[in-house]
């Protein structure tokens, strides 16, 4: 699984990137089913963060989840929770359709 982290209107420090990568261990069960995962962390003018994760699954399906938060760490936690739910749903769908 290729992971890219992009920050917009601010520079994400190493601690932020490490936190995100650490939280990603939650979806290790599906790492072989995801080709790419792109994170975009954007600081808005009102000091709020908009966080987005785009994932590309091996079977061609794409998924996008977003969240907003004034606290970057809390936003990352919420985003990974949404990513986890999305990944679990997609993996279950594919397993249901296997003969």
PDB file of N, CA and C in Angstrom:
ATOM      1  N   UNK A   1       0.852  -1.175   0.000  1.00  0.00           N
ATOM      2  CA  UNK A   1       0.000   0.000   0.000  1.00  0.00           C
ATOM      3  C   UNK A   1       0.895   1.235   0.000  1.00  0.00           C
ATOM      4  N   UNK A   2       0.712   2.074  -0.997  1.00  0.00           N
ATOM      5  CA  UNK A   2       1.453   3.325  -1.082  1.00  0.00           C
ATOM      6  C   UNK A   2       0.666   4.409  -0.351  1.00  0.00           C
ATOM      7  N   UNK A   3       1.339   5.117   0.545  1.00  0.00           N
ATOM      8  CA  UNK A   3       0.688   6.184   1.308  1.00  0.00           C
ATOM      9  C   UNK A   3       1.365   7.506   0.987  1.00  0.00           C
ATOM     10  N   UNK A   4       0.551   8.508   0.622  1.00  0.00           N
ATOM     11  CA  UNK A   4       1.083   9.848   0.425  1.00  0.00           C
ATOM     12  C   UNK A   4       0.331  10.806   1.343  1.00  0.00           C
ATOM     13  N   UNK A   5       1.071  11.748   1.904  1.00  0.00           N
ATOM     14  CA  UNK A   5       0.494  12.732   2.808  1.00  0.00           C
ATOM     15  C   UNK A   5       0.853  14.108   2.267  1.00  0.00           C
ATOM     16  N   UNK A   6      -0.187  14.901   1.997  1.00  0.00           N
ATOM     17  CA  UNK A   6       0.030  16.244   1.464  1.00  0.00           C
ATOM     18  C   UNK A   6      -0.621  17.242   2.415  1.00  0.00           C
ATOM     19  N   UNK A   7       0.106  18.305   2.735  1.00  0.00           N
ATOM     20  CA  UNK A   7      -0.469  19.360   3.566  1.00  0.00           C
ATOM     21  C   UNK A   7      -0.618  20.619   2.721  1.00  0.00           C
ATOM     22  N   UNK A   8      -1.735  21.310   2.912  1.00  0.00           N
ATOM     23  CA  UNK A   8      -2.048  22.507   2.141  1.00  0.00           C
ATOM     24  C   UNK A   8      -2.216  23.681   3.107  1.00  0.00           C
ATOM     25  N   UNK A   9      -1.576  24.790   2.831  1.00  0.00           N
ATOM     26  CA  UNK A   9      -1.622  26.025   3.617  1.00  0.00           C
ATOM     27  C   UNK A   9      -0.921  25.904   4.976  1.00  0.00           C
ATOM     28  N   UNK A  10      -0.144  24.834   5.159  1.00  0.00           N
ATOM     29  CA  UNK A  10       0.704  24.687   6.334  1.00  0.00           C
ATOM     30  C   UNK A  10       1.671  23.536   6.056  1.00  0.00           C
ATOM     31  N   UNK A  11       2.718  23.445   6.848  1.00  0.00           N
ATOM     32  CA  UNK A  11       3.671  22.341   6.708  1.00  0.00           C
ATOM     33  C   UNK A  11       3.415  21.327   7.820  1.00  0.00           C
ATOM     34  N   UNK A  12       3.012  20.128   7.417  1.00  0.00           N
ATOM     35  CA  UNK A  12       2.798  19.065   8.396  1.00  0.00           C
ATOM     36  C   UNK A  12       4.163  18.617   8.911  1.00  0.00           C
ATOM     37  N   UNK A  13       4.342  18.638  10.226  1.00  0.00           N
ATOM     38  CA  UNK A  13       5.622  18.234  10.790  1.00  0.00           C
ATOM     39  C   UNK A  13       5.721  16.707  10.857  1.00  0.00           C
ATOM     40  N   UNK A  14       6.900  16.237  11.211  1.00  0.00           N
ATOM     41  CA  UNK A  14       7.136  14.793  11.271  1.00  0.00           C
ATOM     42  C   UNK A  14       6.232  14.109  12.289  1.00  0.00           C
ATOM     43  N   UNK A  15       5.941  14.790  13.393  1.00  0.00           N
ATOM     44  CA  UNK A  15       5.064  14.200  14.414  1.00  0.00           C
ATOM     45  C   UNK A  15       3.662  13.955  13.860  1.00  0.00           C
ATOM     46  N   UNK A  16       3.161  14.883  13.069  1.00  0.00           N
ATOM     47  CA  UNK A  16       1.840  14.721  12.461  1.00  0.00           C
ATOM     48  C   UNK A  16       1.837  13.539  11.511  1.00  0.00           C
ATOM     49  N   UNK A  17       2.875  13.435  10.683  1.00  0.00           N
ATOM     50  CA  UNK A  17       2.970  12.322   9.739  1.00  0.00           C
ATOM     51  C   UNK A  17       3.113  10.994  10.470  1.00  0.00           C
ATOM     52  N   UNK A  18       3.900  10.987  11.540  1.00  0.00           N
ATOM     53  CA  UNK A  18       4.071   9.760  12.329  1.00  0.00           C
ATOM     54  C   UNK A  18       2.759   9.347  12.981  1.00  0.00           C
ATOM     55  N   UNK A  19       1.999  10.323  13.487  1.00  0.00           N
ATOM     56  CA  UNK A  19       0.705  10.028  14.100  1.00  0.00           C
ATOM     57  C   UNK A  19      -0.227   9.383  13.081  1.00  0.00           C
ATOM     58  N   UNK A  20      -0.270   9.942  11.902  1.00  0.00           N
ATOM     59  CA  UNK A  20      -1.128   9.410  10.844  1.00  0.00           C
ATOM     60  C   UNK A  20      -0.705   7.987  10.462  1.00  0.00           C
ATOM     61  N   UNK A  21       0.580   7.775  10.278  1.00  0.00           N
ATOM     62  CA  UNK A  21       1.068   6.447   9.918  1.00  0.00           C
ATOM     63  C   UNK A  21       0.838   5.440  11.043  1.00  0.00           C
ATOM     64  N   UNK A  22       0.980   5.898  12.281  1.00  0.00           N
ATOM     65  CA  UNK A  22       0.734   5.019  13.430  1.00  0.00           C
ATOM     66  C   UNK A  22      -0.740   4.594  13.474  1.00  0.00           C
ATOM     67  N   UNK A  23      -1.630   5.536  13.246  1.00  0.00           N
ATOM     68  CA  UNK A  23      -3.071   5.248  13.261  1.00  0.00           C
ATOM     69  C   UNK A  23      -3.450   4.298  12.117  1.00  0.00           C
ATOM     70  N   UNK A  24      -2.702   4.347  11.020  1.00  0.00           N
ATOM     71  CA  UNK A  24      -2.998   3.499   9.866  1.00  0.00           C
ATOM     72  C   UNK A  24      -2.836   2.010  10.182  1.00  0.00           C
ATOM     73  N   UNK A  25      -2.137   1.676  11.258  1.00  0.00           N
ATOM     74  CA  UNK A  25      -1.996   0.270  11.636  1.00  0.00           C
ATOM     75  C   UNK A  25      -3.353  -0.363  11.916  1.00  0.00           C
ATOM     76  N   UNK A  26      -4.343   0.471  12.151  1.00  0.00           N
ATOM     77  CA  UNK A  26      -5.694  -0.023  12.414  1.00  0.00           C
ATOM     78  C   UNK A  26      -6.258  -0.779  11.206  1.00  0.00           C
ATOM     79  N   UNK A  27      -5.780  -0.432  10.006  1.00  0.00           N
ATOM     80  CA  UNK A  27      -6.295  -1.110   8.809  1.00  0.00           C
ATOM     81  C   UNK A  27      -5.256  -2.055   8.206  1.00  0.00           C
ATOM     82  N   UNK A  28      -4.300  -2.501   8.994  1.00  0.00           N
ATOM     83  CA  UNK A  28      -3.293  -3.444   8.508  1.00  0.00           C
ATOM     84  C   UNK A  28      -3.927  -4.707   7.924  1.00  0.00           C
ATOM     85  N   UNK A  29      -5.084  -5.093   8.447  1.00  0.00           N
ATOM     86  CA  UNK A  29      -5.761  -6.296   7.968  1.00  0.00           C
ATOM     87  C   UNK A  29      -6.089  -6.210   6.474  1.00  0.00           C
ATOM     88  N   UNK A  30      -6.163  -4.995   5.924  1.00  0.00           N
ATOM     89  CA  UNK A  30      -6.542  -4.809   4.527  1.00  0.00           C
ATOM     90  C   UNK A  30      -5.424  -4.180   3.693  1.00  0.00           C
ATOM     91  N   UNK A  31      -4.226  -4.126   4.227  1.00  0.00           N
ATOM     92  CA  UNK A  31      -3.124  -3.462   3.522  1.00  0.00           C
ATOM     93  C   UNK A  31      -2.874  -4.075   2.150  1.00  0.00           C
ATOM     94  N   UNK A  32      -3.084  -5.378   2.013  1.00  0.00           N
ATOM     95  CA  UNK A  32      -2.856  -6.035   0.723  1.00  0.00           C
ATOM     96  C   UNK A  32      -4.005  -5.813  -0.252  1.00  0.00           C
ATOM     97  N   UNK A  33      -5.105  -5.234   0.220  1.00  0.00           N
ATOM     98  CA  UNK A  33      -6.271  -4.988  -0.627  1.00  0.00           C
ATOM     99  C   UNK A  33      -6.337  -3.541  -1.128  1.00  0.00           C
ATOM    100  N   UNK A  34      -5.462  -2.694  -0.596  1.00  0.00           N
ATOM    101  CA  UNK A  34      -5.442  -1.274  -0.965  1.00  0.00           C
ATOM    102  C   UNK A  34      -4.163  -0.988  -1.741  1.00  0.00           C
ATOM    103  N   UNK A  35      -4.313  -0.376  -2.918  1.00  0.00           N
ATOM    104  CA  UNK A  35      -3.158  -0.046  -3.750  1.00  0.00           C
ATOM    105  C   UNK A  35      -2.538   1.263  -3.264  1.00  0.00           C
ATOM    106  N   UNK A  36      -3.357   2.318  -3.197  1.00  0.00           N
ATOM    107  CA  UNK A  36      -2.888   3.647  -2.804  1.00  0.00           C
ATOM    108  C   UNK A  36      -3.810   4.253  -1.765  1.00  0.00           C
ATOM    109  N   UNK A  37      -3.216   5.054  -0.898  1.00  0.00           N
ATOM    110  CA  UNK A  37      -3.995   5.838   0.049  1.00  0.00           C
ATOM    111  C   UNK A  37      -3.374   7.224   0.080  1.00  0.00           C
ATOM    112  N   UNK A  38      -4.165   8.229  -0.300  1.00  0.00           N
ATOM    113  CA  UNK A  38      -3.684   9.614  -0.349  1.00  0.00           C
ATOM    114  C   UNK A  38      -4.407  10.445   0.695  1.00  0.00           C
ATOM    115  N   UNK A  39      -3.621  11.112   1.527  1.00  0.00           N
ATOM    116  CA  UNK A  39      -4.182  11.988   2.550  1.00  0.00           C
ATOM    117  C   UNK A  39      -3.887  13.430   2.192  1.00  0.00           C
ATOM    118  N   UNK A  40      -4.898  14.277   2.299  1.00  0.00           N
ATOM    119  CA  UNK A  40      -4.724  15.710   2.100  1.00  0.00           C
ATOM    120  C   UNK A  40      -5.194  16.409   3.366  1.00  0.00           C
ATOM    121  N   UNK A  41      -4.294  17.124   3.999  1.00  0.00           N
ATOM    122  CA  UNK A  41      -4.600  17.869   5.224  1.00  0.00           C
ATOM    123  C   UNK A  41      -4.557  19.351   4.865  1.00  0.00           C
ATOM    124  N   UNK A  42      -5.690  20.029   4.977  1.00  0.00           N
ATOM    125  CA  UNK A  42      -5.788  21.429   4.560  1.00  0.00           C
ATOM    126  C   UNK A  42      -6.165  22.308   5.744  1.00  0.00           C
ATOM    127  N   UNK A  43      -5.408  23.382   5.936  1.00  0.00           N
ATOM    128  CA  UNK A  43      -5.776  24.370   6.958  1.00  0.00           C
ATOM    129  C   UNK A  43      -6.595  25.453   6.273  1.00  0.00           C
ATOM    130  N   UNK A  44      -7.815  25.620   6.740  1.00  0.00           N
ATOM    131  CA  UNK A  44      -8.717  26.631   6.176  1.00  0.00           C
ATOM    132  C   UNK A  44      -8.425  27.985   6.807  1.00  0.00           C
ATOM    133  N   UNK A  45      -9.035  29.038   6.252  1.00  0.00           N
ATOM    134  CA  UNK A  45      -8.812  30.402   6.753  1.00  0.00           C
ATOM    135  C   UNK A  45      -9.291  30.584   8.187  1.00  0.00           C
ATOM    136  N   UNK A  46     -10.320  29.843   8.580  1.00  0.00           N
ATOM    137  CA  UNK A  46     -10.859  29.974   9.942  1.00  0.00           C
ATOM    138  C   UNK A  46     -10.092  29.114  10.953  1.00  0.00           C
ATOM    139  N   UNK A  47      -8.893  28.639  10.556  1.00  0.00           N
ATOM    140  CA  UNK A  47      -8.005  27.833  11.404  1.00  0.00           C
ATOM    141  C   UNK A  47      -8.518  26.410  11.600  1.00  0.00           C
ATOM    142  N   UNK A  48      -9.561  26.064  10.878  1.00  0.00           N
ATOM    143  CA  UNK A  48     -10.096  24.713  10.933  1.00  0.00           C
ATOM    144  C   UNK A  48      -9.330  23.846   9.924  1.00  0.00           C
ATOM    145  N   UNK A  49      -9.193  22.575  10.235  1.00  0.00           N
ATOM    146  CA  UNK A  49      -8.539  21.646   9.320  1.00  0.00           C
ATOM    147  C   UNK A  49      -9.586  20.818   8.593  1.00  0.00           C
ATOM    148  N   UNK A  50      -9.395  20.666   7.288  1.00  0.00           N
ATOM    149  CA  UNK A  50     -10.216  19.757   6.511  1.00  0.00           C
ATOM    150  C   UNK A  50      -9.312  18.604   6.114  1.00  0.00           C
ATOM    151  N   UNK A  51      -9.692  17.399   6.511  1.00  0.00           N
ATOM    152  CA  UNK A  51      -8.868  16.227   6.247  1.00  0.00           C
ATOM    153  C   UNK A  51      -9.604  15.289   5.312  1.00  0.00           C
ATOM    154  N   UNK A  52      -8.863  14.774   4.333  1.00  0.00           N
ATOM    155  CA  UNK A  52      -9.471  13.910   3.326  1.00  0.00           C
ATOM    156  C   UNK A  52      -8.556  12.716   3.070  1.00  0.00           C
ATOM    157  N   UNK A  53      -9.165  11.553   2.922  1.00  0.00           N
ATOM    158  CA  UNK A  53      -8.423  10.344   2.565  1.00  0.00           C
ATOM    159  C   UNK A  53      -9.062   9.732   1.326  1.00  0.00           C
ATOM    160  N   UNK A  54      -8.227   9.459   0.331  1.00  0.00           N
ATOM    161  CA  UNK A  54      -8.696   8.783  -0.881  1.00  0.00           C
ATOM    162  C   UNK A  54      -7.998   7.434  -0.934  1.00  0.00           C
ATOM    163  N   UNK A  55      -8.790   6.386  -1.158  1.00  0.00           N
ATOM    164  CA  UNK A  55      -8.201   5.058  -1.231  1.00  0.00           C
ATOM    165  C   UNK A  55      -8.581   4.381  -2.537  1.00  0.00           C
ATOM    166  N   UNK A  56      -7.664   3.620  -3.063  1.00  0.00           N
ATOM    167  CA  UNK A  56      -7.865   2.910  -4.321  1.00  0.00           C
ATOM    168  C   UNK A  56      -7.667   1.421  -4.024  1.00  0.00           C
ATOM    169  N   UNK A  57      -8.751   0.656  -4.169  1.00  0.00           N
ATOM    170  CA  UNK A  57      -8.709  -0.764  -3.862  1.00  0.00           C
ATOM    171  C   UNK A  57      -8.229  -1.571  -5.066  1.00  0.00           C
ATOM    172  N   UNK A  58      -7.697  -2.742  -4.814  1.00  0.00           N
ATOM    173  CA  UNK A  58      -7.157  -3.613  -5.871  1.00  0.00           C
ATOM    174  C   UNK A  58      -8.189  -3.985  -6.925  1.00  0.00           C
ATOM    175  N   UNK A  59      -9.459  -4.042  -6.555  1.00  0.00           N
ATOM    176  CA  UNK A  59     -10.499  -4.444  -7.504  1.00  0.00           C
ATOM    177  C   UNK A  59     -11.082  -3.258  -8.266  1.00  0.00           C
ATOM    178  N   UNK A  60     -10.415  -2.101  -8.212  1.00  0.00           N
ATOM    179  CA  UNK A  60     -10.801  -0.948  -9.015  1.00  0.00           C
ATOM    180  C   UNK A  60     -11.700   0.059  -8.328  1.00  0.00           C
ATOM    181  N   UNK A  61     -12.225  -0.261  -7.195  1.00  0.00           N
ATOM    182  CA  UNK A  61     -13.111   0.637  -6.454  1.00  0.00           C
ATOM    183  C   UNK A  61     -12.283   1.737  -5.798  1.00  0.00           C
ATOM    184  N   UNK A  62     -12.844   2.938  -5.774  1.00  0.00           N
ATOM    185  CA  UNK A  62     -12.204   4.065  -5.083  1.00  0.00           C
ATOM    186  C   UNK A  62     -13.123   4.528  -3.961  1.00  0.00           C
ATOM    187  N   UNK A  63     -12.521   5.016  -2.903  1.00  0.00           N
ATOM    188  CA  UNK A  63     -13.301   5.536  -1.791  1.00  0.00           C
ATOM    189  C   UNK A  63     -12.711   6.846  -1.302  1.00  0.00           C
ATOM    190  N   UNK A  64     -13.574   7.724  -0.816  1.00  0.00           N
ATOM    191  CA  UNK A  64     -13.138   9.009  -0.279  1.00  0.00           C
ATOM    192  C   UNK A  64     -13.878   9.248   1.029  1.00  0.00           C
ATOM    193  N   UNK A  65     -13.131   9.645   2.052  1.00  0.00           N
ATOM    194  CA  UNK A  65     -13.752  10.053   3.315  1.00  0.00           C
ATOM    195  C   UNK A  65     -13.157  11.393   3.720  1.00  0.00           C
ATOM    196  N   UNK A  66     -13.978  12.210   4.394  1.00  0.00           N
ATOM    197  CA  UNK A  66     -13.547  13.551   4.806  1.00  0.00           C
ATOM    198  C   UNK A  66     -14.025  13.836   6.221  1.00  0.00           C
ATOM    199  N   UNK A  67     -13.326  14.735   6.858  1.00  0.00           N
ATOM    200  CA  UNK A  67     -13.766  15.242   8.155  1.00  0.00           C
ATOM    201  C   UNK A  67     -13.167  16.631   8.352  1.00  0.00           C
ATOM    202  N   UNK A  68     -13.749  17.379   9.289  1.00  0.00           N
ATOM    203  CA  UNK A  68     -13.235  18.705   9.643  1.00  0.00           C
ATOM    204  C   UNK A  68     -13.039  18.767  11.151  1.00  0.00           C
ATOM    205  N   UNK A  69     -12.019  19.494  11.563  1.00  0.00           N
ATOM    206  CA  UNK A  69     -11.738  19.618  12.985  1.00  0.00           C
ATOM    207  C   UNK A  69     -10.842  20.838  13.219  1.00  0.00           C
ATOM    208  N   UNK A  70     -11.005  21.469  14.370  1.00  0.00           N
ATOM    209  CA  UNK A  70     -10.123  22.565  14.746  1.00  0.00           C
ATOM    210  C   UNK A  70      -8.827  22.031  15.353  1.00  0.00           C
ATOM    211  N   UNK A  71      -8.837  20.769  15.802  1.00  0.00           N
ATOM    212  CA  UNK A  71      -7.661  20.129  16.380  1.00  0.00           C
ATOM    213  C   UNK A  71      -7.158  19.078  15.385  1.00  0.00           C
ATOM    214  N   UNK A  72      -5.941  19.238  14.913  1.00  0.00           N
ATOM    215  CA  UNK A  72      -5.407  18.355  13.881  1.00  0.00           C
ATOM    216  C   UNK A  72      -5.331  16.904  14.351  1.00  0.00           C
ATOM    217  N   UNK A  73      -4.850  16.681  15.566  1.00  0.00           N
ATOM    218  CA  UNK A  73      -4.738  15.303  16.087  1.00  0.00           C
ATOM    219  C   UNK A  73      -6.101  14.644  16.194  1.00  0.00           C
ATOM    220  N   UNK A  74      -7.076  15.372  16.700  1.00  0.00           N
ATOM    221  CA  UNK A  74      -8.439  14.837  16.813  1.00  0.00           C
ATOM    222  C   UNK A  74      -9.009  14.561  15.424  1.00  0.00           C
ATOM    223  N   UNK A  75      -8.735  15.456  14.484  1.00  0.00           N
ATOM    224  CA  UNK A  75      -9.200  15.270  13.113  1.00  0.00           C
ATOM    225  C   UNK A  75      -8.612  14.021  12.478  1.00  0.00           C
ATOM    226  N   UNK A  76      -7.326  13.776  12.714  1.00  0.00           N
ATOM    227  CA  UNK A  76      -6.683  12.572  12.192  1.00  0.00           C
ATOM    228  C   UNK A  76      -7.328  11.335  12.783  1.00  0.00           C
ATOM    229  N   UNK A  77      -7.594  11.366  14.077  1.00  0.00           N
ATOM    230  CA  UNK A  77      -8.253  10.227  14.741  1.00  0.00           C
ATOM    231  C   UNK A  77      -9.624   9.962  14.107  1.00  0.00           C
ATOM    232  N   UNK A  78     -10.416  11.010  13.909  1.00  0.00           N
ATOM    233  CA  UNK A  78     -11.743  10.865  13.309  1.00  0.00           C
ATOM    234  C   UNK A  78     -11.647  10.357  11.874  1.00  0.00           C
ATOM    235  N   UNK A  79     -10.671  10.870  11.127  1.00  0.00           N
ATOM    236  CA  UNK A  79     -10.507  10.455   9.738  1.00  0.00           C
ATOM    237  C   UNK A  79     -10.163   8.969   9.645  1.00  0.00           C
ATOM    238  N   UNK A  80      -9.255   8.506  10.501  1.00  0.00           N
ATOM    239  CA  UNK A  80      -8.860   7.096  10.466  1.00  0.00           C
ATOM    240  C   UNK A  80     -10.036   6.204  10.870  1.00  0.00           C
ATOM    241  N   UNK A  81     -10.881   6.668  11.787  1.00  0.00           N
ATOM    242  CA  UNK A  81     -12.088   5.899  12.142  1.00  0.00           C
ATOM    243  C   UNK A  81     -12.974   5.734  10.909  1.00  0.00           C
ATOM    244  N   UNK A  82     -13.134   6.805  10.142  1.00  0.00           N
ATOM    245  CA  UNK A  82     -13.956   6.744   8.928  1.00  0.00           C
ATOM    246  C   UNK A  82     -13.298   5.854   7.870  1.00  0.00           C
ATOM    247  N   UNK A  83     -11.990   5.955   7.738  1.00  0.00           N
ATOM    248  CA  UNK A  83     -11.262   5.110   6.793  1.00  0.00           C
ATOM    249  C   UNK A  83     -11.459   3.644   7.164  1.00  0.00           C
ATOM    250  N   UNK A  84     -11.335   3.336   8.446  1.00  0.00           N
ATOM    251  CA  UNK A  84     -11.503   1.965   8.922  1.00  0.00           C
ATOM    252  C   UNK A  84     -12.888   1.429   8.559  1.00  0.00           C
ATOM    253  N   UNK A  85     -13.921   2.207   8.799  1.00  0.00           N
ATOM    254  CA  UNK A  85     -15.285   1.788   8.460  1.00  0.00           C
ATOM    255  C   UNK A  85     -15.440   1.559   6.963  1.00  0.00           C
ATOM    256  N   UNK A  86     -14.920   2.483   6.166  1.00  0.00           N
ATOM    257  CA  UNK A  86     -15.029   2.376   4.709  1.00  0.00           C
ATOM    258  C   UNK A  86     -14.311   1.128   4.196  1.00  0.00           C
ATOM    259  N   UNK A  87     -13.112   0.900   4.691  1.00  0.00           N
ATOM    260  CA  UNK A  87     -12.326  -0.257   4.253  1.00  0.00           C
ATOM    261  C   UNK A  87     -13.038  -1.546   4.639  1.00  0.00           C
ATOM    262  N   UNK A  88     -13.533  -1.619   5.868  1.00  0.00           N
ATOM    263  CA  UNK A  88     -14.237  -2.837   6.315  1.00  0.00           C
ATOM    264  C   UNK A  88     -15.464  -3.122   5.440  1.00  0.00           C
ATOM    265  N   UNK A  89     -16.232  -2.083   5.111  1.00  0.00           N
ATOM    266  CA  UNK A  89     -17.416  -2.270   4.267  1.00  0.00           C
ATOM    267  C   UNK A  89     -17.038  -2.778   2.887  1.00  0.00           C
ATOM    268  N   UNK A  90     -16.008  -2.185   2.287  1.00  0.00           N
ATOM    269  CA  UNK A  90     -15.588  -2.590   0.941  1.00  0.00           C
ATOM    270  C   UNK A  90     -15.059  -4.019   0.934  1.00  0.00           C
ATOM    271  N   UNK A  91     -14.256  -4.380   1.929  1.00  0.00           N
ATOM    272  CA  UNK A  91     -13.706  -5.732   2.003  1.00  0.00           C
ATOM    273  C   UNK A  91     -14.836  -6.740   2.197  1.00  0.00           C
ATOM    274  N   UNK A  92     -15.821  -6.421   3.041  1.00  0.00           N
ATOM    275  CA  UNK A  92     -16.963  -7.316   3.248  1.00  0.00           C
ATOM    276  C   UNK A  92     -17.751  -7.512   1.955  1.00  0.00           C
ATOM    277  N   UNK A  93     -17.956  -6.432   1.200  1.00  0.00           N
ATOM    278  CA  UNK A  93     -18.688  -6.533  -0.071  1.00  0.00           C
ATOM    279  C   UNK A  93     -17.985  -7.491  -1.021  1.00  0.00           C
ATOM    280  N   UNK A  94     -16.672  -7.365  -1.129  1.00  0.00           N
ATOM    281  CA  UNK A  94     -15.916  -8.204  -2.047  1.00  0.00           C
ATOM    282  C   UNK A  94     -15.944  -9.658  -1.583  1.00  0.00           C
ATOM    283  N   UNK A  95     -15.834  -9.898  -0.281  1.00  0.00           N
ATOM    284  CA  UNK A  95     -15.846 -11.262   0.236  1.00  0.00           C
ATOM    285  C   UNK A  95     -17.220 -11.909   0.055  1.00  0.00           C
ATOM    286  N   UNK A  96     -18.282 -11.125   0.119  1.00  0.00           N
ATOM    287  CA  UNK A  96     -19.634 -11.653  -0.083  1.00  0.00           C
ATOM    288  C   UNK A  96     -19.834 -12.134  -1.518  1.00  0.00           C
ATOM    289  N   UNK A  97     -19.160 -11.498  -2.471  1.00  0.00           N
ATOM    290  CA  UNK A  97     -19.354 -11.823  -3.880  1.00  0.00           C
ATOM    291  C   UNK A  97     -18.432 -12.921  -4.387  1.00  0.00           C
ATOM    292  N   UNK A  98     -17.542 -13.398  -3.541  1.00  0.00           N
ATOM    293  CA  UNK A  98     -16.653 -14.491  -3.962  1.00  0.00           C
ATOM    294  C   UNK A  98     -17.445 -15.790  -3.989  1.00  0.00           C
ATOM    295  N   UNK A  99     -17.218 -16.631  -4.996  1.00  0.00           N
ATOM    296  CA  UNK A  99     -17.937 -17.918  -5.053  1.00  0.00           C
ATOM    297  C   UNK A  99     -17.430 -18.900  -4.021  1.00  0.00           C
TER     298      UNK A  99
END
